[in-house]
């Protein structure tokens, strides 16, 4: 008896096969580049995110292949959002309250002030407010991960893609330099372990570099700096939600969104909040939360590799010196804020 090709089961299987053929080649490319980047990072100590980006740029020719495009776009958007949501498993309410109210308020304030500084300086240098928000947010919150999350709620144009790639490269490079020099600055200023942990955790852009710098000084500094860094990661949700609300409000004022609907909160931010709350309440077993939290790094690595493949290197090299100056000034601004707070609190 011939198989019923019109049955729901056969229809579902055909959809699954169609989806696999459509997305698998591009996803496979992004995952492979991510694995190679992780290997290079482990072997040579280079930032994995930067390695994934550079390797992705080297394979830009694959973006010309139509068979790879759907999977690359899926990796750069959907996989990115899932990775950001998984970051919610890295911090709990008790972690936040352990720091104390004064340093807690200072860290949160420095994030907001740095973003504001980035917007103001971007306008002074002739850039858009969205570019200042993108660079300021990546410096203030969590480097490449924040850049990817913030860019996901900005206008999805080619310029935004180029700005995102530039931001990822610049903040990762500066974060690596900070990992080397900030422990030296902490020593020269005779900072206590608590002060050094606060300084390193509140100023270095990427989590991996915070861990490297903190534990290079001592376990106590490493533990505290990592926690402070995760506190900044927790700021990702309210910041990105606020940016999304402001963008939609501006669009409505320009008449681009006349439907009158309320502001839509991105699903990945809701996922971040849900996982953060569930993890804080202890409703997610450690055996489950730890592997999932670790998977966020792999998902973000895959997403940035896909973004690199879809971008041409000449677009990044054509940005000029002013964007570099902007990110450097933002980095110095947040470092100066935290050092001033520490010295004045003595």
C-alpha atoms as a PDB file:
ATOM      1  CA  UNK A   1       0.000   0.000   0.000  1.00  0.00           C
ATOM      2  CA  UNK A   2       1.599   3.328  -1.011  1.00  0.00           C
ATOM      3  CA  UNK A   3       2.431   5.859   1.690  1.00  0.00           C
ATOM      4  CA  UNK A   4      -0.006   8.698   2.169  1.00  0.00           C
ATOM      5  CA  UNK A   5       2.061  11.687   1.120  1.00  0.00           C
ATOM      6  CA  UNK A   6      -0.690  14.057   2.271  1.00  0.00           C
ATOM      7  CA  UNK A   7      -0.727  12.795   5.869  1.00  0.00           C
ATOM      8  CA  UNK A   8       0.169  15.270   8.655  1.00  0.00           C
ATOM      9  CA  UNK A   9       3.220  13.179   9.599  1.00  0.00           C
ATOM     10  CA  UNK A  10       4.603  13.188   6.067  1.00  0.00           C
ATOM     11  CA  UNK A  11       3.922  16.901   5.764  1.00  0.00           C
ATOM     12  CA  UNK A  12       5.796  17.567   8.984  1.00  0.00           C
ATOM     13  CA  UNK A  13       8.732  15.423   7.885  1.00  0.00           C
ATOM     14  CA  UNK A  14       8.903  17.291   4.588  1.00  0.00           C
ATOM     15  CA  UNK A  15       8.951  20.638   6.416  1.00  0.00           C
ATOM     16  CA  UNK A  16      11.715  19.413   8.704  1.00  0.00           C
ATOM     17  CA  UNK A  17      13.766  18.234   5.739  1.00  0.00           C
ATOM     18  CA  UNK A  18      13.194  21.513   3.915  1.00  0.00           C
ATOM     19  CA  UNK A  19      14.281  23.475   7.005  1.00  0.00           C
ATOM     20  CA  UNK A  20      17.378  21.310   7.394  1.00  0.00           C
ATOM     21  CA  UNK A  21      18.427  21.822   3.784  1.00  0.00           C
ATOM     22  CA  UNK A  22      17.789  25.558   4.043  1.00  0.00           C
ATOM     23  CA  UNK A  23      19.648  26.337   7.266  1.00  0.00           C
ATOM     24  CA  UNK A  24      22.170  23.546   7.854  1.00  0.00           C
ATOM     25  CA  UNK A  25      24.986  24.682   5.480  1.00  0.00           C
ATOM     26  CA  UNK A  26      25.206  28.208   6.934  1.00  0.00           C
ATOM     27  CA  UNK A  27      24.853  27.043  10.543  1.00  0.00           C
ATOM     28  CA  UNK A  28      27.529  24.420   9.933  1.00  0.00           C
ATOM     29  CA  UNK A  29      29.896  27.122   8.625  1.00  0.00           C
ATOM     30  CA  UNK A  30      29.293  29.360  11.656  1.00  0.00           C
ATOM     31  CA  UNK A  31      29.682  26.511  14.167  1.00  0.00           C
ATOM     32  CA  UNK A  32      32.887  25.288  12.506  1.00  0.00           C
ATOM     33  CA  UNK A  33      34.407  28.772  12.624  1.00  0.00           C
ATOM     34  CA  UNK A  34      33.362  29.078  16.273  1.00  0.00           C
ATOM     35  CA  UNK A  35      35.075  25.793  17.144  1.00  0.00           C
ATOM     36  CA  UNK A  36      38.241  26.890  15.328  1.00  0.00           C
ATOM     37  CA  UNK A  37      38.160  30.225  17.172  1.00  0.00           C
ATOM     38  CA  UNK A  38      37.806  28.462  20.517  1.00  0.00           C
ATOM     39  CA  UNK A  39      40.779  26.224  19.699  1.00  0.00           C
ATOM     40  CA  UNK A  40      42.954  29.201  18.741  1.00  0.00           C
ATOM     41  CA  UNK A  41      41.878  31.014  21.900  1.00  0.00           C
ATOM     42  CA  UNK A  42      42.878  28.087  24.100  1.00  0.00           C
ATOM     43  CA  UNK A  43      46.170  27.536  22.314  1.00  0.00           C
ATOM     44  CA  UNK A  44      47.363  31.138  22.065  1.00  0.00           C
ATOM     45  CA  UNK A  45      45.380  33.007  24.717  1.00  0.00           C
ATOM     46  CA  UNK A  46      43.688  35.305  22.206  1.00  0.00           C
ATOM     47  CA  UNK A  47      40.068  36.415  22.822  1.00  0.00           C
ATOM     48  CA  UNK A  48      37.726  33.807  21.348  1.00  0.00           C
ATOM     49  CA  UNK A  49      35.233  36.442  20.167  1.00  0.00           C
ATOM     50  CA  UNK A  50      37.931  38.302  18.253  1.00  0.00           C
ATOM     51  CA  UNK A  51      39.211  35.070  16.707  1.00  0.00           C
ATOM     52  CA  UNK A  52      35.684  34.122  15.584  1.00  0.00           C
ATOM     53  CA  UNK A  53      35.201  37.537  14.033  1.00  0.00           C
ATOM     54  CA  UNK A  54      38.515  37.546  12.172  1.00  0.00           C
ATOM     55  CA  UNK A  55      38.065  33.987  10.916  1.00  0.00           C
ATOM     56  CA  UNK A  56      34.554  34.872   9.812  1.00  0.00           C
ATOM     57  CA  UNK A  57      35.845  37.844   7.835  1.00  0.00           C
ATOM     58  CA  UNK A  58      38.358  35.557   6.137  1.00  0.00           C
ATOM     59  CA  UNK A  59      35.494  33.348   4.921  1.00  0.00           C
ATOM     60  CA  UNK A  60      33.414  36.232   3.593  1.00  0.00           C
ATOM     61  CA  UNK A  61      33.330  34.620   0.142  1.00  0.00           C
ATOM     62  CA  UNK A  62      30.900  32.030   1.544  1.00  0.00           C
ATOM     63  CA  UNK A  63      28.299  34.769   2.016  1.00  0.00           C
ATOM     64  CA  UNK A  64      28.113  34.960  -1.777  1.00  0.00           C
ATOM     65  CA  UNK A  65      26.833  31.381  -1.838  1.00  0.00           C
ATOM     66  CA  UNK A  66      23.044  31.370  -1.652  1.00  0.00           C
ATOM     67  CA  UNK A  67      23.087  27.945  -0.011  1.00  0.00           C
ATOM     68  CA  UNK A  68      24.839  29.395   3.055  1.00  0.00           C
ATOM     69  CA  UNK A  69      22.950  32.675   3.457  1.00  0.00           C
ATOM     70  CA  UNK A  70      19.816  31.460   5.305  1.00  0.00           C
ATOM     71  CA  UNK A  71      21.854  29.577   7.908  1.00  0.00           C
ATOM     72  CA  UNK A  72      24.249  32.487   8.392  1.00  0.00           C
ATOM     73  CA  UNK A  73      21.364  34.907   8.894  1.00  0.00           C
ATOM     74  CA  UNK A  74      19.739  32.485  11.339  1.00  0.00           C
ATOM     75  CA  UNK A  75      22.998  32.202  13.303  1.00  0.00           C
ATOM     76  CA  UNK A  76      23.580  35.963  13.352  1.00  0.00           C
ATOM     77  CA  UNK A  77      20.054  36.734  14.611  1.00  0.00           C
ATOM     78  CA  UNK A  78      18.208  33.833  16.263  1.00  0.00           C
ATOM     79  CA  UNK A  79      21.245  32.078  17.727  1.00  0.00           C
ATOM     80  CA  UNK A  80      22.459  35.448  19.027  1.00  0.00           C
ATOM     81  CA  UNK A  81      19.185  36.081  20.844  1.00  0.00           C
ATOM     82  CA  UNK A  82      19.209  32.638  22.446  1.00  0.00           C
ATOM     83  CA  UNK A  83      22.794  33.207  23.611  1.00  0.00           C
ATOM     84  CA  UNK A  84      21.921  36.544  25.193  1.00  0.00           C
ATOM     85  CA  UNK A  85      18.941  34.988  26.967  1.00  0.00           C
ATOM     86  CA  UNK A  86      21.217  32.282  28.393  1.00  0.00           C
ATOM     87  CA  UNK A  87      23.346  34.967  30.056  1.00  0.00           C
ATOM     88  CA  UNK A  88      20.559  35.230  32.632  1.00  0.00           C
ATOM     89  CA  UNK A  89      21.826  31.998  34.189  1.00  0.00           C
ATOM     90  CA  UNK A  90      25.152  33.578  35.166  1.00  0.00           C
ATOM     91  CA  UNK A  91      23.914  35.773  38.015  1.00  0.00           C
ATOM     92  CA  UNK A  92      21.386  35.633  40.888  1.00  0.00           C
ATOM     93  CA  UNK A  93      19.696  38.093  43.238  1.00  0.00           C
ATOM     94  CA  UNK A  94      21.953  37.040  46.115  1.00  0.00           C
ATOM     95  CA  UNK A  95      25.030  37.812  44.019  1.00  0.00           C
ATOM     96  CA  UNK A  96      23.748  41.326  43.386  1.00  0.00           C
ATOM     97  CA  UNK A  97      23.019  42.032  47.058  1.00  0.00           C
ATOM     98  CA  UNK A  98      26.382  40.658  48.248  1.00  0.00           C
ATOM     99  CA  UNK A  99      28.263  43.619  46.811  1.00  0.00           C
ATOM    100  CA  UNK A 100      26.601  46.196  49.073  1.00  0.00           C
ATOM    101  CA  UNK A 101      24.490  49.199  48.167  1.00  0.00           C
ATOM    102  CA  UNK A 102      27.182  51.843  47.643  1.00  0.00           C
ATOM    103  CA  UNK A 103      29.367  49.915  45.151  1.00  0.00           C
ATOM    104  CA  UNK A 104      26.191  48.517  43.584  1.00  0.00           C
ATOM    105  CA  UNK A 105      24.851  52.002  42.882  1.00  0.00           C
ATOM    106  CA  UNK A 106      28.248  53.135  41.612  1.00  0.00           C
ATOM    107  CA  UNK A 107      28.540  50.267  39.137  1.00  0.00           C
ATOM    108  CA  UNK A 108      25.000  50.847  37.843  1.00  0.00           C
ATOM    109  CA  UNK A 109      25.566  54.606  37.633  1.00  0.00           C
ATOM    110  CA  UNK A 110      28.826  54.163  35.739  1.00  0.00           C
ATOM    111  CA  UNK A 111      27.033  52.057  33.132  1.00  0.00           C
ATOM    112  CA  UNK A 112      24.383  54.721  32.520  1.00  0.00           C
ATOM    113  CA  UNK A 113      26.878  57.601  32.591  1.00  0.00           C
ATOM    114  CA  UNK A 114      29.213  55.864  30.134  1.00  0.00           C
ATOM    115  CA  UNK A 115      26.403  55.308  27.647  1.00  0.00           C
ATOM    116  CA  UNK A 116      25.366  58.948  28.004  1.00  0.00           C
ATOM    117  CA  UNK A 117      28.986  60.025  27.520  1.00  0.00           C
ATOM    118  CA  UNK A 118      29.188  57.857  24.405  1.00  0.00           C
ATOM    119  CA  UNK A 119      26.090  59.451  22.889  1.00  0.00           C
ATOM    120  CA  UNK A 120      27.339  62.992  23.588  1.00  0.00           C
ATOM    121  CA  UNK A 121      30.832  62.319  22.252  1.00  0.00           C
ATOM    122  CA  UNK A 122      29.444  60.555  19.169  1.00  0.00           C
ATOM    123  CA  UNK A 123      27.405  63.630  18.302  1.00  0.00           C
ATOM    124  CA  UNK A 124      30.425  65.872  18.855  1.00  0.00           C
ATOM    125  CA  UNK A 125      32.491  63.705  16.514  1.00  0.00           C
ATOM    126  CA  UNK A 126      29.787  63.739  13.837  1.00  0.00           C
ATOM    127  CA  UNK A 127      28.237  60.310  14.402  1.00  0.00           C
ATOM    128  CA  UNK A 128      24.659  59.274  15.100  1.00  0.00           C
ATOM    129  CA  UNK A 129      23.281  58.807  18.596  1.00  0.00           C
ATOM    130  CA  UNK A 130      22.702  55.116  17.834  1.00  0.00           C
ATOM    131  CA  UNK A 131      26.418  54.630  17.146  1.00  0.00           C
ATOM    132  CA  UNK A 132      27.271  56.311  20.458  1.00  0.00           C
ATOM    133  CA  UNK A 133      24.719  54.087  22.192  1.00  0.00           C
ATOM    134  CA  UNK A 134      26.201  50.991  20.569  1.00  0.00           C
ATOM    135  CA  UNK A 135      29.809  51.761  21.486  1.00  0.00           C
ATOM    136  CA  UNK A 136      28.969  53.224  24.898  1.00  0.00           C
ATOM    137  CA  UNK A 137      26.790  50.240  25.780  1.00  0.00           C
ATOM    138  CA  UNK A 138      29.426  47.724  24.742  1.00  0.00           C
ATOM    139  CA  UNK A 139      32.087  49.506  26.818  1.00  0.00           C
ATOM    140  CA  UNK A 140      29.782  49.984  29.800  1.00  0.00           C
ATOM    141  CA  UNK A 141      28.128  46.559  29.979  1.00  0.00           C
ATOM    142  CA  UNK A 142      29.838  43.477  28.574  1.00  0.00           C
ATOM    143  CA  UNK A 143      31.814  44.176  25.433  1.00  0.00           C
ATOM    144  CA  UNK A 144      31.052  42.103  22.361  1.00  0.00           C
ATOM    145  CA  UNK A 145      27.957  40.455  23.873  1.00  0.00           C
ATOM    146  CA  UNK A 146      26.406  43.847  24.640  1.00  0.00           C
ATOM    147  CA  UNK A 147      27.272  45.143  21.172  1.00  0.00           C
ATOM    148  CA  UNK A 148      25.462  42.206  19.593  1.00  0.00           C
ATOM    149  CA  UNK A 149      22.433  42.559  21.882  1.00  0.00           C
ATOM    150  CA  UNK A 150      22.111  46.333  21.402  1.00  0.00           C
ATOM    151  CA  UNK A 151      22.516  46.077  17.633  1.00  0.00           C
ATOM    152  CA  UNK A 152      19.620  43.604  17.525  1.00  0.00           C
ATOM    153  CA  UNK A 153      17.167  46.351  18.545  1.00  0.00           C
ATOM    154  CA  UNK A 154      18.661  49.038  16.282  1.00  0.00           C
ATOM    155  CA  UNK A 155      17.652  49.618  12.667  1.00  0.00           C
ATOM    156  CA  UNK A 156      18.800  46.534  10.755  1.00  0.00           C
ATOM    157  CA  UNK A 157      20.788  48.301   8.039  1.00  0.00           C
ATOM    158  CA  UNK A 158      24.147  47.575   6.455  1.00  0.00           C
ATOM    159  CA  UNK A 159      25.576  50.540   8.372  1.00  0.00           C
ATOM    160  CA  UNK A 160      24.433  48.999  11.647  1.00  0.00           C
ATOM    161  CA  UNK A 161      26.154  45.742  10.721  1.00  0.00           C
ATOM    162  CA  UNK A 162      29.413  47.568   9.964  1.00  0.00           C
ATOM    163  CA  UNK A 163      29.153  49.565  13.194  1.00  0.00           C
ATOM    164  CA  UNK A 164      28.568  46.390  15.168  1.00  0.00           C
ATOM    165  CA  UNK A 165      31.583  44.646  13.670  1.00  0.00           C
ATOM    166  CA  UNK A 166      33.790  47.665  14.310  1.00  0.00           C
ATOM    167  CA  UNK A 167      32.557  47.877  17.909  1.00  0.00           C
ATOM    168  CA  UNK A 168      33.229  44.197  18.541  1.00  0.00           C
ATOM    169  CA  UNK A 169      36.772  44.476  17.193  1.00  0.00           C
ATOM    170  CA  UNK A 170      37.599  47.674  19.084  1.00  0.00           C
ATOM    171  CA  UNK A 171      36.169  46.735  22.484  1.00  0.00           C
ATOM    172  CA  UNK A 172      37.728  43.269  22.342  1.00  0.00           C
ATOM    173  CA  UNK A 173      41.126  44.756  21.510  1.00  0.00           C
ATOM    174  CA  UNK A 174      40.886  47.369  24.259  1.00  0.00           C
ATOM    175  CA  UNK A 175      39.622  44.754  26.697  1.00  0.00           C
ATOM    176  CA  UNK A 176      42.672  42.617  25.987  1.00  0.00           C
ATOM    177  CA  UNK A 177      44.984  45.586  26.594  1.00  0.00           C
ATOM    178  CA  UNK A 178      43.107  46.376  29.812  1.00  0.00           C
ATOM    179  CA  UNK A 179      43.586  42.788  30.979  1.00  0.00           C
ATOM    180  CA  UNK A 180      47.338  43.387  30.762  1.00  0.00           C
ATOM    181  CA  UNK A 181      47.601  46.919  32.139  1.00  0.00           C
ATOM    182  CA  UNK A 182      44.805  47.246  34.701  1.00  0.00           C
ATOM    183  CA  UNK A 183      46.422  44.880  37.232  1.00  0.00           C
ATOM    184  CA  UNK A 184      49.544  47.054  36.950  1.00  0.00           C
ATOM    185  CA  UNK A 185      47.450  50.169  37.574  1.00  0.00           C
ATOM    186  CA  UNK A 186      45.835  48.504  40.590  1.00  0.00           C
ATOM    187  CA  UNK A 187      49.255  47.742  42.034  1.00  0.00           C
ATOM    188  CA  UNK A 188      50.636  51.225  41.351  1.00  0.00           C
ATOM    189  CA  UNK A 189      47.636  52.785  43.103  1.00  0.00           C
ATOM    190  CA  UNK A 190      48.062  50.395  46.061  1.00  0.00           C
ATOM    191  CA  UNK A 191      44.463  49.200  45.761  1.00  0.00           C
ATOM    192  CA  UNK A 192      43.263  46.639  48.294  1.00  0.00           C
ATOM    193  CA  UNK A 193      41.964  43.293  46.966  1.00  0.00           C
ATOM    194  CA  UNK A 194      38.376  44.565  47.335  1.00  0.00           C
ATOM    195  CA  UNK A 195      39.197  47.812  45.537  1.00  0.00           C
ATOM    196  CA  UNK A 196      41.128  46.017  42.791  1.00  0.00           C
ATOM    197  CA  UNK A 197      38.256  43.582  42.269  1.00  0.00           C
ATOM    198  CA  UNK A 198      35.804  46.469  41.945  1.00  0.00           C
ATOM    199  CA  UNK A 199      38.079  48.381  39.556  1.00  0.00           C
ATOM    200  CA  UNK A 200      38.789  45.428  37.255  1.00  0.00           C
ATOM    201  CA  UNK A 201      35.225  44.093  37.267  1.00  0.00           C
ATOM    202  CA  UNK A 202      33.622  47.491  36.680  1.00  0.00           C
ATOM    203  CA  UNK A 203      35.887  48.680  33.857  1.00  0.00           C
ATOM    204  CA  UNK A 204      37.150  45.847  31.617  1.00  0.00           C
ATOM    205  CA  UNK A 205      34.739  45.185  28.771  1.00  0.00           C
ATOM    206  CA  UNK A 206      34.564  41.406  28.231  1.00  0.00           C
ATOM    207  CA  UNK A 207      33.943  38.723  30.861  1.00  0.00           C
ATOM    208  CA  UNK A 208      36.875  36.554  29.780  1.00  0.00           C
ATOM    209  CA  UNK A 209      39.352  39.421  30.135  1.00  0.00           C
ATOM    210  CA  UNK A 210      37.925  40.322  33.558  1.00  0.00           C
ATOM    211  CA  UNK A 211      38.511  36.761  34.708  1.00  0.00           C
ATOM    212  CA  UNK A 212      42.041  36.786  33.298  1.00  0.00           C
ATOM    213  CA  UNK A 213      42.980  40.087  34.914  1.00  0.00           C
ATOM    214  CA  UNK A 214      41.351  39.371  38.260  1.00  0.00           C
ATOM    215  CA  UNK A 215      42.811  35.927  38.865  1.00  0.00           C
ATOM    216  CA  UNK A 216      46.225  37.089  37.677  1.00  0.00           C
ATOM    217  CA  UNK A 217      46.313  39.142  40.902  1.00  0.00           C
ATOM    218  CA  UNK A 218      44.727  36.720  43.400  1.00  0.00           C
ATOM    219  CA  UNK A 219      41.752  34.404  43.861  1.00  0.00           C
ATOM    220  CA  UNK A 220      40.006  37.005  46.025  1.00  0.00           C
ATOM    221  CA  UNK A 221      40.370  39.701  43.378  1.00  0.00           C
ATOM    222  CA  UNK A 222      39.303  37.246  40.694  1.00  0.00           C
ATOM    223  CA  UNK A 223      36.136  36.197  42.519  1.00  0.00           C
ATOM    224  CA  UNK A 224      35.063  39.768  43.279  1.00  0.00           C
ATOM    225  CA  UNK A 225      35.889  41.151  39.820  1.00  0.00           C
ATOM    226  CA  UNK A 226      33.974  38.341  38.119  1.00  0.00           C
ATOM    227  CA  UNK A 227      30.934  39.020  40.276  1.00  0.00           C
ATOM    228  CA  UNK A 228      31.057  42.783  39.600  1.00  0.00           C
ATOM    229  CA  UNK A 229      31.316  42.019  35.889  1.00  0.00           C
ATOM    230  CA  UNK A 230      28.235  39.794  36.014  1.00  0.00           C
ATOM    231  CA  UNK A 231      26.408  42.621  37.737  1.00  0.00           C
ATOM    232  CA  UNK A 232      27.137  44.761  34.688  1.00  0.00           C
ATOM    233  CA  UNK A 233      25.854  41.905  32.506  1.00  0.00           C
ATOM    234  CA  UNK A 234      22.578  42.066  34.445  1.00  0.00           C
ATOM    235  CA  UNK A 235      22.254  45.709  33.322  1.00  0.00           C
ATOM    236  CA  UNK A 236      21.932  44.445  29.752  1.00  0.00           C
ATOM    237  CA  UNK A 237      18.187  43.831  30.066  1.00  0.00           C
ATOM    238  CA  UNK A 238      16.985  47.252  31.274  1.00  0.00           C
ATOM    239  CA  UNK A 239      19.421  49.050  28.966  1.00  0.00           C
ATOM    240  CA  UNK A 240      18.422  47.159  25.806  1.00  0.00           C
ATOM    241  CA  UNK A 241      14.730  47.398  26.700  1.00  0.00           C
ATOM    242  CA  UNK A 242      15.084  51.157  27.182  1.00  0.00           C
ATOM    243  CA  UNK A 243      16.891  51.530  23.854  1.00  0.00           C
ATOM    244  CA  UNK A 244      14.178  49.527  22.097  1.00  0.00           C
ATOM    245  CA  UNK A 245      11.428  51.657  23.646  1.00  0.00           C
ATOM    246  CA  UNK A 246      13.146  54.909  22.663  1.00  0.00           C
ATOM    247  CA  UNK A 247      13.693  53.707  19.084  1.00  0.00           C
ATOM    248  CA  UNK A 248      10.063  52.683  18.670  1.00  0.00           C
ATOM    249  CA  UNK A 249       8.863  55.954  20.178  1.00  0.00           C
ATOM    250  CA  UNK A 250      11.051  57.929  17.774  1.00  0.00           C
ATOM    251  CA  UNK A 251       9.734  55.839  14.868  1.00  0.00           C
ATOM    252  CA  UNK A 252       6.148  56.627  15.846  1.00  0.00           C
ATOM    253  CA  UNK A 253       6.942  60.320  16.037  1.00  0.00           C
ATOM    254  CA  UNK A 254       8.347  60.145  12.489  1.00  0.00           C
ATOM    255  CA  UNK A 255       5.147  58.446  11.356  1.00  0.00           C
ATOM    256  CA  UNK A 256       6.856  55.122  10.647  1.00  0.00           C
ATOM    257  CA  UNK A 257       4.700  53.243  13.143  1.00  0.00           C
ATOM    258  CA  UNK A 258       1.202  54.635  13.071  1.00  0.00           C
ATOM    259  CA  UNK A 259      -0.547  51.510  14.301  1.00  0.00           C
ATOM    260  CA  UNK A 260      -0.607  52.823  17.849  1.00  0.00           C
ATOM    261  CA  UNK A 261       0.481  49.499  19.282  1.00  0.00           C
ATOM    262  CA  UNK A 262       2.457  49.343  22.483  1.00  0.00           C
ATOM    263  CA  UNK A 263       6.181  48.809  22.595  1.00  0.00           C
ATOM    264  CA  UNK A 264       7.117  45.206  21.934  1.00  0.00           C
ATOM    265  CA  UNK A 265       9.667  43.774  24.357  1.00  0.00           C
ATOM    266  CA  UNK A 266      12.147  41.505  22.544  1.00  0.00           C
ATOM    267  CA  UNK A 267      11.601  37.867  23.406  1.00  0.00           C
ATOM    268  CA  UNK A 268      15.255  37.208  24.197  1.00  0.00           C
ATOM    269  CA  UNK A 269      15.158  39.874  26.926  1.00  0.00           C
ATOM    270  CA  UNK A 270      12.114  38.226  28.462  1.00  0.00           C
ATOM    271  CA  UNK A 271      14.049  34.965  28.320  1.00  0.00           C
ATOM    272  CA  UNK A 272      16.988  36.597  30.097  1.00  0.00           C
ATOM    273  CA  UNK A 273      14.723  37.888  32.881  1.00  0.00           C
ATOM    274  CA  UNK A 274      12.891  34.560  33.228  1.00  0.00           C
ATOM    275  CA  UNK A 275      16.115  32.551  33.510  1.00  0.00           C
ATOM    276  CA  UNK A 276      17.583  35.111  35.931  1.00  0.00           C
ATOM    277  CA  UNK A 277      14.536  34.853  38.213  1.00  0.00           C
ATOM    278  CA  UNK A 278      14.282  31.055  38.026  1.00  0.00           C
ATOM    279  CA  UNK A 279      18.001  30.692  38.708  1.00  0.00           C
ATOM    280  CA  UNK A 280      17.802  33.136  41.633  1.00  0.00           C
ATOM    281  CA  UNK A 281      14.922  31.170  43.173  1.00  0.00           C
ATOM    282  CA  UNK A 282      16.924  27.957  42.852  1.00  0.00           C
ATOM    283  CA  UNK A 283      14.306  26.331  40.656  1.00  0.00           C
ATOM    284  CA  UNK A 284      16.875  25.320  38.050  1.00  0.00           C
ATOM    285  CA  UNK A 285      19.187  22.506  39.256  1.00  0.00           C
ATOM    286  CA  UNK A 286      22.898  23.320  39.143  1.00  0.00           C
ATOM    287  CA  UNK A 287      23.444  20.293  36.913  1.00  0.00           C
ATOM    288  CA  UNK A 288      21.215  22.011  34.354  1.00  0.00           C
ATOM    289  CA  UNK A 289      22.018  25.705  34.870  1.00  0.00           C
ATOM    290  CA  UNK A 290      25.805  25.426  34.639  1.00  0.00           C
ATOM    291  CA  UNK A 291      25.919  23.671  31.233  1.00  0.00           C
ATOM    292  CA  UNK A 292      23.274  26.059  29.898  1.00  0.00           C
ATOM    293  CA  UNK A 293      25.193  29.084  31.191  1.00  0.00           C
ATOM    294  CA  UNK A 294      28.322  27.749  29.519  1.00  0.00           C
ATOM    295  CA  UNK A 295      26.426  27.217  26.267  1.00  0.00           C
ATOM    296  CA  UNK A 296      25.754  30.969  26.037  1.00  0.00           C
ATOM    297  CA  UNK A 297      29.404  31.538  25.169  1.00  0.00           C
ATOM    298  CA  UNK A 298      29.220  29.000  22.343  1.00  0.00           C
ATOM    299  CA  UNK A 299      26.013  30.479  20.980  1.00  0.00           C
ATOM    300  CA  UNK A 300      27.451  33.999  20.988  1.00  0.00           C
ATOM    301  CA  UNK A 301      30.640  32.697  19.394  1.00  0.00           C
ATOM    302  CA  UNK A 302      28.605  31.084  16.604  1.00  0.00           C
ATOM    303  CA  UNK A 303      26.591  34.282  16.091  1.00  0.00           C
ATOM    304  CA  UNK A 304      29.625  36.529  15.820  1.00  0.00           C
ATOM    305  CA  UNK A 305      31.306  34.091  13.421  1.00  0.00           C
ATOM    306  CA  UNK A 306      28.233  34.281  11.185  1.00  0.00           C
ATOM    307  CA  UNK A 307      28.219  38.063  11.386  1.00  0.00           C
ATOM    308  CA  UNK A 308      31.888  38.088  10.393  1.00  0.00           C
ATOM    309  CA  UNK A 309      31.249  35.894   7.350  1.00  0.00           C
ATOM    310  CA  UNK A 310      28.528  38.284   6.185  1.00  0.00           C
ATOM    311  CA  UNK A 311      30.757  41.373   6.441  1.00  0.00           C
ATOM    312  CA  UNK A 312      33.540  42.515   4.133  1.00  0.00           C
ATOM    313  CA  UNK A 313      36.814  43.531   5.750  1.00  0.00           C
ATOM    314  CA  UNK A 314      37.078  46.688   3.634  1.00  0.00           C
ATOM    315  CA  UNK A 315      33.887  47.991   5.252  1.00  0.00           C
ATOM    316  CA  UNK A 316      35.526  47.733   8.682  1.00  0.00           C
ATOM    317  CA  UNK A 317      38.830  49.271   7.598  1.00  0.00           C
ATOM    318  CA  UNK A 318      37.096  52.305   6.098  1.00  0.00           C
ATOM    319  CA  UNK A 319      35.748  53.659   9.415  1.00  0.00           C
ATOM    320  CA  UNK A 320      38.660  56.068  10.007  1.00  0.00           C
ATOM    321  CA  UNK A 321      40.222  57.241  13.255  1.00  0.00           C
ATOM    322  CA  UNK A 322      37.267  59.042  14.841  1.00  0.00           C
ATOM    323  CA  UNK A 323      35.326  55.863  15.805  1.00  0.00           C
ATOM    324  CA  UNK A 324      38.502  54.480  17.393  1.00  0.00           C
ATOM    325  CA  UNK A 325      38.919  57.701  19.348  1.00  0.00           C
ATOM    326  CA  UNK A 326      35.304  57.444  20.532  1.00  0.00           C
ATOM    327  CA  UNK A 327      35.729  53.943  21.972  1.00  0.00           C
ATOM    328  CA  UNK A 328      39.054  54.868  23.595  1.00  0.00           C
ATOM    329  CA  UNK A 329      37.474  57.926  25.251  1.00  0.00           C
ATOM    330  CA  UNK A 330      34.569  55.815  26.537  1.00  0.00           C
ATOM    331  CA  UNK A 331      37.026  53.289  27.962  1.00  0.00           C
ATOM    332  CA  UNK A 332      39.022  56.002  29.730  1.00  0.00           C
ATOM    333  CA  UNK A 333      35.808  57.610  30.999  1.00  0.00           C
ATOM    334  CA  UNK A 334      34.479  54.537  32.811  1.00  0.00           C
ATOM    335  CA  UNK A 335      37.941  53.718  34.198  1.00  0.00           C
ATOM    336  CA  UNK A 336      38.300  57.276  35.501  1.00  0.00           C
ATOM    337  CA  UNK A 337      34.866  57.151  37.134  1.00  0.00           C
ATOM    338  CA  UNK A 338      35.602  53.969  39.079  1.00  0.00           C
ATOM    339  CA  UNK A 339      39.102  55.061  40.143  1.00  0.00           C
ATOM    340  CA  UNK A 340      37.721  58.401  41.369  1.00  0.00           C
ATOM    341  CA  UNK A 341      35.015  56.584  43.343  1.00  0.00           C
ATOM    342  CA  UNK A 342      37.528  54.229  44.951  1.00  0.00           C
ATOM    343  CA  UNK A 343      39.957  56.969  45.924  1.00  0.00           C
ATOM    344  CA  UNK A 344      37.220  59.241  47.277  1.00  0.00           C
ATOM    345  CA  UNK A 345      35.704  56.377  49.296  1.00  0.00           C
ATOM    346  CA  UNK A 346      38.878  55.747  51.274  1.00  0.00           C
END
